[in-house]
N, C-alpha and C. Protein backbone atom coordinates (compact mmCIF):
# COMPACT_ATOMS: atom_id res chain seq x y z
N UNK A 1 -6.04 -20.22 -9.56
CA UNK A 1 -5.65 -19.71 -10.86
C UNK A 1 -4.15 -19.52 -10.92
N UNK A 2 -3.62 -19.70 -12.09
CA UNK A 2 -2.21 -19.45 -12.34
C UNK A 2 -2.12 -18.14 -13.11
N UNK A 3 -1.29 -17.24 -12.65
CA UNK A 3 -1.14 -15.96 -13.32
C UNK A 3 -0.59 -16.14 -14.73
N UNK A 4 -0.90 -15.25 -15.66
CA UNK A 4 -0.36 -15.34 -17.02
C UNK A 4 1.17 -15.34 -17.00
N UNK A 5 1.74 -16.15 -17.85
CA UNK A 5 3.20 -16.21 -17.96
C UNK A 5 3.86 -17.16 -16.98
N UNK A 6 3.09 -17.78 -16.10
CA UNK A 6 3.64 -18.73 -15.12
C UNK A 6 3.48 -20.15 -15.68
N UNK A 7 4.53 -20.96 -15.58
CA UNK A 7 4.48 -22.33 -16.08
C UNK A 7 3.51 -23.17 -15.25
N UNK A 8 2.80 -24.06 -15.91
CA UNK A 8 1.89 -24.99 -15.23
C UNK A 8 2.73 -26.12 -14.63
N UNK A 9 2.56 -26.42 -13.36
CA UNK A 9 3.34 -27.51 -12.75
C UNK A 9 3.08 -28.84 -13.44
N UNK A 10 4.11 -29.67 -13.51
CA UNK A 10 4.00 -30.99 -14.14
C UNK A 10 2.92 -31.81 -13.47
N UNK A 11 2.14 -32.51 -14.25
CA UNK A 11 1.09 -33.37 -13.73
C UNK A 11 -0.22 -32.66 -13.42
N UNK A 12 -0.28 -31.37 -13.61
CA UNK A 12 -1.50 -30.61 -13.35
C UNK A 12 -2.24 -30.38 -14.65
N UNK A 13 -3.54 -30.30 -14.58
CA UNK A 13 -4.37 -30.09 -15.77
C UNK A 13 -5.01 -28.70 -15.71
N UNK A 14 -5.16 -28.10 -16.86
CA UNK A 14 -5.86 -26.82 -16.96
C UNK A 14 -7.35 -27.12 -17.02
N UNK A 15 -8.14 -26.58 -16.10
CA UNK A 15 -9.57 -26.87 -16.06
C UNK A 15 -10.43 -25.64 -16.33
N UNK A 16 -9.79 -24.47 -16.37
CA UNK A 16 -10.54 -23.24 -16.65
C UNK A 16 -9.58 -22.21 -17.25
N UNK A 17 -10.16 -21.30 -18.00
CA UNK A 17 -9.40 -20.23 -18.63
C UNK A 17 -10.11 -18.92 -18.34
N UNK A 18 -9.35 -17.90 -17.99
CA UNK A 18 -9.93 -16.57 -17.76
C UNK A 18 -9.50 -15.67 -18.91
N UNK A 19 -10.48 -14.97 -19.50
CA UNK A 19 -10.25 -14.10 -20.65
C UNK A 19 -10.66 -12.68 -20.28
N UNK A 20 -9.84 -11.71 -20.66
CA UNK A 20 -10.15 -10.30 -20.43
C UNK A 20 -10.20 -9.59 -21.77
N UNK A 21 -11.17 -8.70 -21.93
CA UNK A 21 -11.26 -7.84 -23.10
C UNK A 21 -11.41 -6.40 -22.62
N UNK A 22 -10.51 -5.55 -23.04
CA UNK A 22 -10.64 -4.12 -22.77
C UNK A 22 -11.10 -3.52 -24.09
N UNK A 23 -12.35 -3.08 -24.12
CA UNK A 23 -12.98 -2.60 -25.34
C UNK A 23 -13.08 -1.08 -25.29
N UNK A 24 -12.72 -0.44 -26.41
CA UNK A 24 -12.73 1.02 -26.48
C UNK A 24 -13.66 1.45 -27.59
N UNK A 25 -14.37 2.56 -27.38
CA UNK A 25 -15.24 3.09 -28.43
C UNK A 25 -14.42 3.49 -29.64
N UNK A 26 -15.05 3.48 -30.79
CA UNK A 26 -14.36 3.81 -32.03
C UNK A 26 -14.10 5.32 -32.14
N UNK A 27 -15.06 6.11 -31.68
CA UNK A 27 -14.97 7.56 -31.80
C UNK A 27 -14.84 8.20 -30.42
N UNK A 28 -14.08 9.29 -30.32
CA UNK A 28 -13.95 9.97 -29.03
C UNK A 28 -15.25 10.67 -28.63
N UNK A 29 -15.44 10.80 -27.33
CA UNK A 29 -16.58 11.53 -26.77
C UNK A 29 -15.99 12.68 -25.96
N UNK A 30 -16.06 13.89 -26.51
CA UNK A 30 -15.39 15.03 -25.89
C UNK A 30 -16.12 15.57 -24.66
N UNK A 31 -17.26 14.95 -24.30
CA UNK A 31 -17.94 15.29 -23.06
C UNK A 31 -17.53 14.34 -21.93
N UNK A 32 -16.61 13.42 -22.21
CA UNK A 32 -16.21 12.37 -21.27
C UNK A 32 -14.69 12.35 -21.16
N UNK A 33 -14.20 12.16 -19.93
CA UNK A 33 -12.77 11.97 -19.70
C UNK A 33 -12.58 10.71 -18.87
N UNK A 34 -11.84 9.76 -19.41
CA UNK A 34 -11.60 8.48 -18.75
C UNK A 34 -10.35 8.60 -17.88
N UNK A 35 -10.56 8.69 -16.57
CA UNK A 35 -9.45 8.80 -15.64
C UNK A 35 -9.17 7.51 -14.89
N UNK A 36 -9.82 6.42 -15.30
CA UNK A 36 -9.66 5.14 -14.60
C UNK A 36 -8.34 4.47 -14.94
N UNK A 37 -7.94 3.59 -14.06
CA UNK A 37 -6.82 2.68 -14.30
C UNK A 37 -7.40 1.28 -14.36
N UNK A 38 -7.09 0.55 -15.42
CA UNK A 38 -7.63 -0.79 -15.63
C UNK A 38 -6.56 -1.81 -15.27
N UNK A 39 -6.91 -2.76 -14.40
CA UNK A 39 -5.98 -3.81 -13.98
C UNK A 39 -6.56 -5.15 -14.39
N UNK A 40 -5.81 -5.87 -15.20
CA UNK A 40 -6.26 -7.18 -15.69
C UNK A 40 -5.06 -7.98 -16.17
N UNK A 41 -5.11 -9.29 -15.98
CA UNK A 41 -4.08 -10.21 -16.48
C UNK A 41 -2.67 -9.75 -16.10
N UNK A 42 -2.50 -9.32 -14.86
CA UNK A 42 -1.21 -8.81 -14.38
C UNK A 42 -0.72 -7.60 -15.18
N UNK A 43 -1.65 -6.87 -15.77
CA UNK A 43 -1.33 -5.64 -16.51
C UNK A 43 -2.04 -4.48 -15.85
N UNK A 44 -1.46 -3.32 -15.95
CA UNK A 44 -2.08 -2.09 -15.47
C UNK A 44 -2.07 -1.12 -16.64
N UNK A 45 -3.25 -0.61 -17.00
CA UNK A 45 -3.36 0.31 -18.13
C UNK A 45 -4.07 1.58 -17.68
N UNK A 46 -3.44 2.70 -17.90
CA UNK A 46 -4.03 4.01 -17.69
C UNK A 46 -3.95 4.75 -19.01
N UNK A 47 -5.08 5.21 -19.55
CA UNK A 47 -5.03 5.92 -20.83
C UNK A 47 -4.15 7.16 -20.76
N UNK A 48 -3.38 7.37 -21.81
CA UNK A 48 -2.56 8.58 -21.89
C UNK A 48 -3.50 9.77 -22.12
N UNK A 49 -3.09 10.98 -21.77
CA UNK A 49 -3.99 12.14 -21.89
C UNK A 49 -4.63 12.29 -23.27
N UNK A 50 -3.91 11.98 -24.34
CA UNK A 50 -4.48 12.14 -25.69
C UNK A 50 -5.57 11.13 -25.99
N UNK A 51 -5.68 10.05 -25.19
CA UNK A 51 -6.66 8.99 -25.46
C UNK A 51 -7.74 8.90 -24.38
N UNK A 52 -7.88 9.90 -23.54
CA UNK A 52 -8.84 9.83 -22.43
C UNK A 52 -10.27 10.18 -22.82
N UNK A 53 -10.52 10.58 -24.05
CA UNK A 53 -11.88 10.90 -24.46
C UNK A 53 -12.60 9.72 -25.11
N UNK A 54 -12.08 8.53 -24.93
CA UNK A 54 -12.74 7.33 -25.44
C UNK A 54 -13.36 6.58 -24.27
N UNK A 55 -14.57 6.09 -24.47
CA UNK A 55 -15.21 5.26 -23.44
C UNK A 55 -14.66 3.85 -23.55
N UNK A 56 -14.46 3.21 -22.38
CA UNK A 56 -13.92 1.86 -22.33
C UNK A 56 -14.74 1.02 -21.37
N UNK A 57 -14.70 -0.30 -21.61
CA UNK A 57 -15.30 -1.25 -20.67
C UNK A 57 -14.38 -2.47 -20.63
N UNK A 58 -14.14 -2.97 -19.41
CA UNK A 58 -13.33 -4.16 -19.21
C UNK A 58 -14.27 -5.32 -18.93
N UNK A 59 -14.18 -6.36 -19.74
CA UNK A 59 -15.05 -7.53 -19.61
C UNK A 59 -14.18 -8.72 -19.24
N UNK A 60 -14.60 -9.47 -18.24
CA UNK A 60 -13.87 -10.66 -17.80
C UNK A 60 -14.81 -11.86 -17.84
N UNK A 61 -14.29 -12.97 -18.33
CA UNK A 61 -15.08 -14.21 -18.38
C UNK A 61 -14.19 -15.37 -18.00
N UNK A 62 -14.67 -16.23 -17.12
CA UNK A 62 -13.98 -17.47 -16.78
C UNK A 62 -14.73 -18.61 -17.44
N UNK A 63 -14.00 -19.40 -18.19
CA UNK A 63 -14.60 -20.49 -18.97
C UNK A 63 -14.09 -21.82 -18.42
N UNK A 64 -15.00 -22.66 -17.98
CA UNK A 64 -14.64 -24.00 -17.51
C UNK A 64 -14.46 -24.89 -18.73
N UNK A 65 -13.34 -25.61 -18.77
CA UNK A 65 -13.06 -26.50 -19.89
C UNK A 65 -13.62 -27.87 -19.58
N UNK A 66 -14.26 -28.45 -20.57
CA UNK A 66 -14.83 -29.78 -20.40
C UNK A 66 -13.86 -30.82 -20.92
N UNK A 67 -14.01 -32.05 -20.43
CA UNK A 67 -13.20 -33.17 -20.89
C UNK A 67 -11.72 -32.91 -20.71
N UNK A 68 -11.35 -32.44 -19.54
CA UNK A 68 -9.94 -32.15 -19.29
C UNK A 68 -9.20 -33.31 -18.62
N UNK A 69 -9.86 -34.42 -18.44
CA UNK A 69 -9.21 -35.58 -17.82
C UNK A 69 -8.23 -36.22 -18.78
N UNK A 70 -7.20 -36.78 -18.22
CA UNK A 70 -6.19 -37.47 -19.05
C UNK A 70 -6.50 -38.92 -19.18
């Protein structure tokens, strides 16, 4: 895999794509405190104290691309 933001070397083909979604609930849950740190796509995200009452889930999917031959 090539990290996000890195140029693809000349003559190489992209054969797969990795997608990340960090999904947050719409409404806060005051019985829950999110103290996790989420690491994805060379990013690190830790909710600020005012936003820690939202539930989150990080979803990752790798998609193989078809017909990538030149």
